[in-house]
Amino acid sequence: MESSNITRLQVNGKEIVLIGTAHVSKNSVEEVRETIKSEQPDSVCIELDAQRFEAVNQKDKWSNTDIVQIIKSKRAGFLFANILLSNYQRKLAEQFGIESGQEMMEGIACAKEYGAELVLADRSIQITFNRIWRGCSLWEKTKLLFSIILSVVDDEEITEEDLENLKSEDMLSAALSEMGSAFKGVKRYLVDERDQYLAYKIKNAPGDKIVAVLGAAHIKGIKEEIYKEQDIEKLEVIPPKSNAGKILGWMIPVIIVGLVVATFIVNPSSGWEQAKSWILWTGLLSALGTLLAGGHILSAFTAFVAAPITTLHPLLASGWFAGMAEAYMRKPKVEDFESLPKDLKSLKGLWRNKVTKILMVVVFANLGSSLGAWLGGLHIIGIFLQTFS
C-alpha cells in the first residue's frame, strides 16, 4: 500500500509524484530515497532556491560572511529573521537526532545517484521575505517580529508521532488556517505564492516523470495550482514602495523642519527647545535600543549621534551606523557563526553571540529612533501650537 504522503498527478502528459515531508523527520528521508529509487524519474524537484542550495553545499560558508556588507546592503533584518526562523526547525531536528532539511539533501543525492535532473523549484528566500515585509501591515510586522524572538525560548517538545501527524492534510489545513487568521499577509507570501511558484516549476521540469520533494504544507496548494496558469515573473517582483509612502516619508521630515524653523523665527528659545527635544528623543531612544540589544557603549554613542539626522532622511537609518560600529568593535569570528545553533537555545545566548548581537543592534536602534521620532515630533507640534496660540 502506497504511503499517504505520496500524491500522484497527471499534468500535460507528465506523471508527477509529490512527496509531502516534515523537514525534520527520519521517515521523510527514507521515503524520499525509496520513492526516487522506485520511480526512476527524469527530474527531481526540491523545495530549495539557489541561495539555500549553495548554503547546503558550502560547509565553510560562514567564513565568507561579511557582516558589515550585509548591513550596508540593508539585509541585516533579513539575516536576523532568517536565523531566528530556522531556529525552531533546528530544535526539532536536534530532538529527533536528524539534520534539518536532510530530506532535501537526500533528494539532491538521489537525483545524482539515479541520473535525474535536479530542479531547484522554490522562489528566492530573499524575494519571499521582501514581499512579506512590503506586503504586511505594521501591526502584522510587529506581531511577527515578537513571535520570531519568542520562538527562541519555546521549549515545548513534540513527539515523533505528532511530527508525522503534521503531514496529514487535516492538521495541516488547521495549522495554516490559524496562521492565516493571525498573519494573513505572511501566509499569502510565505505559503500561497510559493505554492504557485512551486507548481509552475514542477510541471515545467524536464522529462515525462517528475518527483518533487516538498514540505507537506505545500501539497494541498500545489494540487490546486498545478492545473492553473501562473505568472512567474509577477511572483518574482519585489513590490516597490507606494508613491504615497515615499511622499509621506519625505513630507514628515519637511514638516518637522518647517515647524522648528517657523518657531525659531517667532521665538528662538522655543525653537531651540524643539531642536533639543528632537535630538534627545531620537538620540536617547536609539542609544537605549542599542544598549538593550547588548551593544557596545560606542555603538550606543554612534546611534545617539546618527538618530537625529537619519530620522530626517527616509533613506538612512541609525541602526545601520550603530550596527557597523558594533561590527567594528566586536567583529564576529567564524566560531561565532558556527556556535549560532548552540547560542540560540536561550535568550541569553541570543544576546551573547556577536552575530545576533550586531543584528539586534541594527533592529533595536532603528526601533528606538522611530519611536523617538514620533514622540519628538509630537513634542515639537505641542511647542509650535503653544508658540502660535
Protein backbone atom coordinates (compact mmCIF):
# COMPACT_ATOMS: atom_id res chain seq x y z
CA MET A 1 0.00 0.00 0.00
CA GLU A 2 1.40 3.39 -1.02
CA SER A 3 2.14 5.93 1.67
CA SER A 4 -0.45 8.64 2.29
CA ASN A 5 2.39 11.16 1.94
CA ILE A 6 2.68 10.37 -1.80
CA THR A 7 0.43 12.21 -4.27
CA ARG A 8 0.30 11.24 -7.95
CA LEU A 9 -0.86 13.71 -10.60
CA GLN A 10 -1.16 13.70 -14.38
CA VAL A 11 -0.39 17.13 -15.87
CA ASN A 12 0.10 17.83 -19.61
CA GLY A 13 1.07 14.23 -20.31
CA LYS A 14 3.54 14.12 -17.42
CA GLU A 15 3.37 11.91 -14.35
CA ILE A 16 4.15 13.97 -11.27
CA VAL A 17 4.83 12.38 -7.89
CA LEU A 18 4.67 14.74 -4.88
CA ILE A 19 6.32 13.63 -1.63
CA GLY A 20 4.99 15.53 1.38
CA THR A 21 7.67 15.69 4.05
CA ALA A 22 8.28 17.07 7.52
CA HIS A 23 11.66 18.82 7.34
CA VAL A 24 12.96 17.10 10.49
CA SER A 25 11.52 13.61 10.06
CA LYS A 26 13.66 10.47 9.68
CA ASN A 27 10.74 8.75 7.97
CA SER A 28 10.64 11.54 5.37
CA VAL A 29 14.31 10.98 4.48
CA GLU A 30 13.75 7.25 3.99
CA GLU A 31 10.59 7.87 1.98
CA VAL A 32 12.40 10.27 -0.37
CA ARG A 33 15.11 7.69 -1.11
CA GLU A 34 12.71 4.82 -1.64
CA THR A 35 10.40 6.84 -3.88
CA ILE A 36 13.15 8.17 -6.15
CA LYS A 37 14.75 4.71 -6.33
CA SER A 38 11.50 3.02 -7.33
CA GLU A 39 10.19 5.74 -9.67
CA GLN A 40 13.47 6.43 -11.55
CA PRO A 41 12.24 9.94 -12.54
CA ASP A 42 13.61 12.17 -15.29
CA SER A 43 13.72 15.13 -12.88
CA VAL A 44 13.77 15.60 -9.11
CA CYS A 45 12.38 18.91 -7.86
CA ILE A 46 13.34 20.08 -4.38
CA GLU A 47 11.94 22.88 -2.24
CA LEU A 48 15.13 24.94 -2.29
CA ASP A 49 16.24 28.07 -4.11
CA ALA A 50 19.75 28.74 -5.39
CA GLN A 51 20.79 30.61 -2.23
CA ARG A 52 19.75 27.82 0.15
CA PHE A 53 21.15 25.16 -2.19
CA GLU A 54 24.52 26.92 -2.10
CA ALA A 55 24.34 27.09 1.70
CA VAL A 56 23.77 23.33 1.86
CA ASN A 57 26.79 22.67 -0.37
CA GLN A 58 29.16 25.19 1.20
CA LYS A 59 30.10 23.91 4.63
CA ASP A 60 32.55 26.81 5.11
CA LYS A 61 30.01 29.48 4.11
CA TRP A 62 30.28 31.25 7.48
CA SER A 63 33.97 32.03 6.92
CA ASN A 64 32.97 34.10 3.88
CA THR A 65 30.22 36.10 5.60
CA ASP A 66 30.87 39.85 5.68
CA ILE A 67 28.55 41.22 8.37
CA VAL A 68 29.41 44.85 7.52
CA GLN A 69 28.49 44.31 3.86
CA ILE A 70 25.20 42.75 4.95
CA ILE A 71 24.38 45.88 6.97
CA LYS A 72 25.40 48.19 4.12
CA SER A 73 23.19 46.29 1.67
CA LYS A 74 20.21 46.67 4.06
CA ARG A 75 19.95 42.91 4.62
CA ALA A 76 20.56 42.84 8.39
CA GLY A 77 16.87 42.43 9.21
CA PHE A 78 16.56 39.70 6.59
CA LEU A 79 19.52 37.76 8.02
CA PHE A 80 18.25 38.18 11.61
CA ALA A 81 14.78 36.89 10.70
CA ASN A 82 16.29 34.02 8.70
CA ILE A 83 18.47 32.95 11.63
CA LEU A 84 15.57 33.02 14.09
CA LEU A 85 13.07 31.37 11.76
CA SER A 86 15.43 28.44 11.20
CA ASN A 87 15.91 28.05 14.94
CA TYR A 88 12.61 26.23 15.64
CA GLN A 89 13.32 23.72 12.87
CA ARG A 90 16.82 23.22 14.24
CA LYS A 91 15.49 22.47 17.75
CA LEU A 92 13.15 19.82 16.37
CA ALA A 93 15.99 18.36 14.32
CA GLU A 94 18.18 18.07 17.42
CA GLN A 95 15.33 16.47 19.35
CA PHE A 96 14.98 13.69 16.78
CA GLY A 97 18.68 13.34 16.00
CA ILE A 98 18.48 14.37 12.37
CA GLU A 99 19.90 17.24 10.38
CA SER A 100 17.28 19.84 9.48
CA GLY A 101 16.35 19.68 5.81
CA GLN A 102 18.04 16.31 5.37
CA GLU A 103 15.19 15.08 3.16
CA MET A 104 16.13 17.82 0.67
CA MET A 105 19.79 16.76 0.78
CA GLU A 106 18.65 13.18 0.24
CA GLY A 107 16.70 14.34 -2.82
CA ILE A 108 19.85 16.04 -4.16
CA ALA A 109 21.96 12.94 -3.57
CA CYS A 110 19.40 10.58 -5.12
CA ALA A 111 18.97 12.76 -8.21
CA LYS A 112 22.70 12.49 -8.83
CA GLU A 113 22.80 8.78 -7.99
CA TYR A 114 19.97 7.80 -10.33
CA GLY A 115 20.79 10.21 -13.15
CA ALA A 116 17.80 12.54 -12.75
CA GLU A 117 17.99 16.27 -13.46
CA LEU A 118 17.91 18.34 -10.29
CA VAL A 119 15.48 21.27 -10.32
CA LEU A 120 15.62 23.99 -7.66
CA ALA A 121 11.89 24.68 -7.57
CA ASP A 122 11.47 27.26 -4.83
CA ARG A 123 11.43 31.04 -5.07
CA SER A 124 14.37 33.01 -3.72
CA ILE A 125 14.00 33.25 0.06
CA GLN A 126 15.12 36.88 -0.06
CA ILE A 127 12.35 37.75 -2.53
CA THR A 128 9.84 35.95 -0.31
CA PHE A 129 10.98 37.83 2.81
CA ASN A 130 10.96 41.15 0.97
CA ARG A 131 7.44 40.53 -0.34
CA ILE A 132 6.32 39.62 3.19
CA TRP A 133 7.82 42.80 4.64
CA ARG A 134 6.41 45.06 1.93
CA GLY A 135 3.03 43.36 1.96
CA CYS A 136 2.33 43.13 5.70
CA SER A 137 0.78 45.84 7.83
CA LEU A 138 2.84 47.46 10.60
CA TRP A 139 0.79 45.53 13.18
CA GLU A 140 1.48 42.21 11.43
CA LYS A 141 5.19 43.05 11.22
CA THR A 142 5.27 43.80 14.96
CA LYS A 143 3.45 40.58 15.86
CA LEU A 144 5.68 38.57 13.54
CA LEU A 145 8.88 40.06 15.00
CA PHE A 146 7.89 39.23 18.58
CA SER A 147 6.66 35.76 17.60
CA ILE A 148 10.03 35.02 16.00
CA ILE A 149 12.00 36.27 19.03
CA LEU A 150 9.77 34.33 21.47
CA SER A 151 10.41 31.15 19.46
CA VAL A 152 13.94 31.19 20.90
CA VAL A 153 12.63 30.37 24.39
CA ASP A 154 9.89 27.97 23.28
CA ASP A 155 10.92 24.70 24.94
CA GLU A 156 7.76 22.75 24.14
CA GLU A 157 8.65 19.29 22.91
CA ILE A 158 6.85 17.39 20.19
CA THR A 159 6.64 13.61 19.87
CA GLU A 160 7.68 11.83 16.69
CA GLU A 161 4.07 10.70 16.31
CA ASP A 162 2.97 14.36 16.42
CA LEU A 163 5.63 15.17 13.85
CA GLU A 164 4.32 12.54 11.44
CA ASN A 165 0.75 13.70 12.07
CA LEU A 166 1.78 17.19 10.94
CA LYS A 167 1.93 15.70 7.45
CA SER A 168 -1.76 14.85 7.49
CA GLU A 169 -3.93 17.16 5.44
CA ASP A 170 -6.49 17.86 8.18
CA MET A 171 -3.99 19.02 10.81
CA LEU A 172 -2.06 20.93 8.20
CA SER A 173 -5.14 22.77 6.98
CA ALA A 174 -5.99 23.69 10.56
CA ALA A 175 -2.47 25.00 11.17
CA LEU A 176 -2.49 27.11 8.02
CA SER A 177 -5.97 28.38 8.81
CA GLU A 178 -4.73 29.54 12.23
CA MET A 179 -1.67 31.14 10.63
CA GLY A 180 -3.88 32.88 8.10
CA SER A 181 -6.01 34.39 10.86
CA ALA A 182 -3.03 35.79 12.75
CA PHE A 183 -0.79 36.69 9.80
CA LYS A 184 -2.86 36.99 6.62
CA GLY A 185 -0.07 38.79 4.78
CA VAL A 186 2.56 36.28 5.89
CA LYS A 187 0.55 33.25 4.74
CA ARG A 188 -0.14 34.85 1.37
CA TYR A 189 3.53 35.41 0.58
CA LEU A 190 5.10 32.55 2.51
CA VAL A 191 2.69 29.76 1.53
CA ASP A 192 0.14 30.69 -1.14
CA GLU A 193 2.51 32.44 -3.56
CA ARG A 194 5.16 29.78 -3.15
CA ASP A 195 2.52 27.12 -3.91
CA GLN A 196 2.02 28.88 -7.25
CA TYR A 197 5.76 29.18 -7.87
CA LEU A 198 6.50 25.57 -6.95
CA ALA A 199 3.60 24.30 -9.08
CA TYR A 200 4.95 26.19 -12.11
CA LYS A 201 8.49 24.87 -11.65
CA ILE A 202 7.37 21.28 -11.08
CA LYS A 203 5.05 20.99 -14.08
CA ASN A 204 7.70 22.60 -16.32
CA ALA A 205 10.54 20.37 -15.14
CA PRO A 206 12.27 18.34 -17.90
CA GLY A 207 11.04 14.85 -18.72
CA ASP A 208 7.84 12.83 -18.51
CA LYS A 209 8.17 11.66 -14.91
CA ILE A 210 8.82 14.16 -12.13
CA VAL A 211 9.36 13.55 -8.41
CA ALA A 212 9.00 16.61 -6.17
CA VAL A 213 10.27 16.69 -2.56
CA LEU A 214 8.18 19.25 -0.69
CA GLY A 215 7.25 20.37 2.79
CA ALA A 216 3.82 18.90 3.49
CA ALA A 217 2.38 22.40 3.97
CA HIS A 218 2.56 22.95 0.20
CA ILE A 219 0.93 19.75 -1.06
CA LYS A 220 -2.69 20.89 -0.88
CA GLY A 221 -1.97 24.23 -2.55
CA ILE A 222 0.18 22.71 -5.29
CA LYS A 223 -2.52 20.14 -6.11
CA GLU A 224 -4.86 23.06 -6.82
CA GLU A 225 -2.36 25.36 -8.53
CA ILE A 226 -0.68 22.87 -10.82
CA TYR A 227 -3.65 22.84 -13.22
CA LYS A 228 -3.78 26.65 -13.41
CA GLU A 229 -1.69 29.23 -15.25
CA GLN A 230 0.90 31.16 -13.19
CA ASP A 231 2.57 34.49 -13.91
CA ILE A 232 6.06 33.52 -12.76
CA GLU A 233 7.58 36.95 -13.41
CA LYS A 234 4.97 38.66 -11.24
CA LEU A 235 5.76 36.29 -8.39
CA GLU A 236 9.45 37.26 -8.54
CA VAL A 237 8.93 41.03 -8.37
CA ILE A 238 9.65 42.87 -5.13
CA PRO A 239 6.78 45.36 -4.76
CA PRO A 240 8.07 48.95 -4.81
CA LYS A 241 7.18 51.26 -2.01
CA SER A 242 3.97 53.09 -2.79
CA ASN A 243 4.23 56.67 -4.04
CA ALA A 244 2.11 57.73 -1.08
CA GLY A 245 4.63 56.10 1.26
CA LYS A 246 7.55 57.81 -0.46
CA ILE A 247 5.83 61.19 -0.35
CA LEU A 248 4.91 60.71 3.30
CA GLY A 249 8.48 59.63 4.07
CA TRP A 250 9.79 62.98 2.83
CA MET A 251 6.84 65.12 3.96
CA ILE A 252 7.17 64.28 7.64
CA PRO A 253 10.82 65.48 7.90
CA VAL A 254 9.98 68.59 5.87
CA ILE A 255 7.05 69.35 8.19
CA ILE A 256 9.19 68.80 11.30
CA VAL A 257 11.94 71.09 10.00
CA GLY A 258 9.35 73.63 8.87
CA LEU A 259 7.72 73.73 12.32
CA VAL A 260 11.10 74.23 14.01
CA VAL A 261 12.15 77.00 11.58
CA ALA A 262 8.80 78.80 11.96
CA THR A 263 9.06 78.61 15.74
CA PHE A 264 12.64 79.90 15.66
CA ILE A 265 11.54 82.97 13.70
CA VAL A 266 8.85 83.87 16.24
CA ASN A 267 10.52 82.63 19.43
CA PRO A 268 14.15 81.44 19.20
CA SER A 269 14.14 79.93 22.70
CA SER A 270 11.13 77.76 21.82
CA GLY A 271 12.85 76.79 18.56
CA TRP A 272 15.92 75.66 20.48
CA GLU A 273 13.63 73.71 22.80
CA GLN A 274 12.16 71.90 19.79
CA ALA A 275 15.60 71.10 18.38
CA LYS A 276 16.80 69.84 21.75
CA SER A 277 13.65 67.72 22.12
CA TRP A 278 14.20 66.10 18.70
CA ILE A 279 17.84 65.33 19.44
CA LEU A 280 17.13 63.88 22.88
CA TRP A 281 14.05 61.80 21.95
CA THR A 282 15.55 60.26 18.80
CA GLY A 283 19.13 60.01 20.03
CA LEU A 284 18.45 58.68 23.51
CA LEU A 285 15.86 56.10 22.43
CA SER A 286 18.06 54.86 19.59
CA ALA A 287 21.00 54.60 22.01
CA LEU A 288 18.74 52.84 24.53
CA GLY A 289 17.70 50.34 21.87
CA THR A 290 21.38 49.70 21.12
CA LEU A 291 22.13 49.07 24.79
CA LEU A 292 19.09 46.81 25.19
CA ALA A 293 20.49 44.72 22.33
CA GLY A 294 23.74 44.40 24.30
CA GLY A 295 25.62 46.85 22.11
CA HIS A 296 28.96 48.47 22.96
CA ILE A 297 28.85 51.92 24.59
CA LEU A 298 30.49 53.40 21.47
CA SER A 299 27.79 51.79 19.31
CA ALA A 300 25.19 53.45 21.53
CA PHE A 301 27.00 56.78 21.16
CA THR A 302 27.00 56.30 17.38
CA ALA A 303 23.25 55.66 17.47
CA PHE A 304 22.74 58.79 19.59
CA VAL A 305 24.67 60.98 17.11
CA ALA A 306 23.15 59.41 13.99
CA ALA A 307 19.48 59.18 15.00
CA PRO A 308 18.55 62.91 14.97
CA ILE A 309 19.91 63.12 11.40
CA THR A 310 18.78 59.76 9.97
CA THR A 311 15.21 60.22 11.23
CA LEU A 312 15.02 63.26 8.96
CA HIS A 313 16.19 61.27 5.92
CA PRO A 314 13.98 58.39 4.69
CA LEU A 315 16.92 56.62 3.02
CA LEU A 316 19.06 56.43 6.16
CA ALA A 317 18.71 54.57 9.46
CA SER A 318 20.59 54.98 12.73
CA GLY A 319 20.72 51.20 13.17
CA TRP A 320 22.97 50.84 10.14
CA PHE A 321 25.57 53.14 11.68
CA ALA A 322 25.24 51.61 15.14
CA GLY A 323 25.48 48.11 13.66
CA MET A 324 28.62 48.95 11.70
CA ALA A 325 30.16 50.45 14.83
CA GLU A 326 29.27 47.29 16.75
CA ALA A 327 30.77 45.10 14.00
CA TYR A 328 33.96 47.18 14.16
CA MET A 329 34.20 47.00 17.97
CA ARG A 330 33.20 43.32 18.23
CA LYS A 331 33.97 41.74 14.86
CA PRO A 332 32.41 38.25 14.67
CA LYS A 333 34.69 35.30 14.09
CA VAL A 334 33.91 32.07 12.25
CA GLU A 335 33.21 30.35 15.57
CA ASP A 336 30.51 32.93 16.35
CA PHE A 337 28.62 31.83 13.24
CA GLU A 338 29.26 28.17 13.96
CA SER A 339 28.01 28.49 17.54
CA LEU A 340 24.68 30.03 16.49
CA PRO A 341 22.73 26.74 16.92
CA LYS A 342 24.00 26.38 20.49
CA ASP A 343 23.59 30.04 21.42
CA LEU A 344 20.04 30.25 20.06
CA LYS A 345 18.87 27.75 22.66
CA SER A 346 18.33 30.65 25.05
CA LEU A 347 17.70 34.38 25.10
CA LYS A 348 21.00 34.77 26.95
CA GLY A 349 22.78 33.10 24.05
CA LEU A 350 20.95 35.33 21.59
CA TRP A 351 22.40 38.38 23.36
CA ARG A 352 25.84 36.78 23.84
CA ASN A 353 26.57 35.73 20.25
CA LYS A 354 28.34 38.50 18.34
CA VAL A 355 26.43 37.83 15.13
CA THR A 356 22.94 38.10 16.59
CA LYS A 357 24.08 40.94 18.87
CA ILE A 358 25.10 43.05 15.85
CA LEU A 359 21.86 42.28 14.02
CA MET A 360 19.82 43.13 17.12
CA VAL A 361 21.72 46.40 17.47
CA VAL A 362 20.60 47.31 13.95
CA VAL A 363 16.97 46.36 14.60
CA PHE A 364 16.65 47.78 18.12
CA ALA A 365 18.45 51.05 17.29
CA ASN A 366 16.07 51.57 14.38
CA LEU A 367 13.03 50.81 16.52
CA GLY A 368 14.26 53.24 19.17
CA SER A 369 14.88 56.06 16.70
CA SER A 370 11.46 55.50 15.08
CA LEU A 371 9.72 55.70 18.45
CA GLY A 372 11.80 58.76 19.33
CA ALA A 373 10.79 60.43 16.05
CA TRP A 374 7.10 60.03 16.89
CA LEU A 375 7.49 61.28 20.48
CA GLY A 376 9.85 64.08 19.49
CA GLY A 377 7.54 65.09 16.64
CA LEU A 378 4.57 65.29 18.99
CA HIS A 379 6.57 67.46 21.39
CA ILE A 380 7.62 69.76 18.53
CA ILE A 381 3.99 70.13 17.43
CA GLY A 382 3.00 70.91 21.02
CA ILE A 383 5.62 73.67 21.34
CA PHE A 384 4.63 75.07 17.94
CA LEU A 385 0.97 75.28 18.95
CA GLN A 386 1.85 76.97 22.23
CA THR A 387 4.07 79.49 20.43
CA PHE A 388 1.40 80.47 17.93
CA SER A 389 -1.62 80.28 20.23
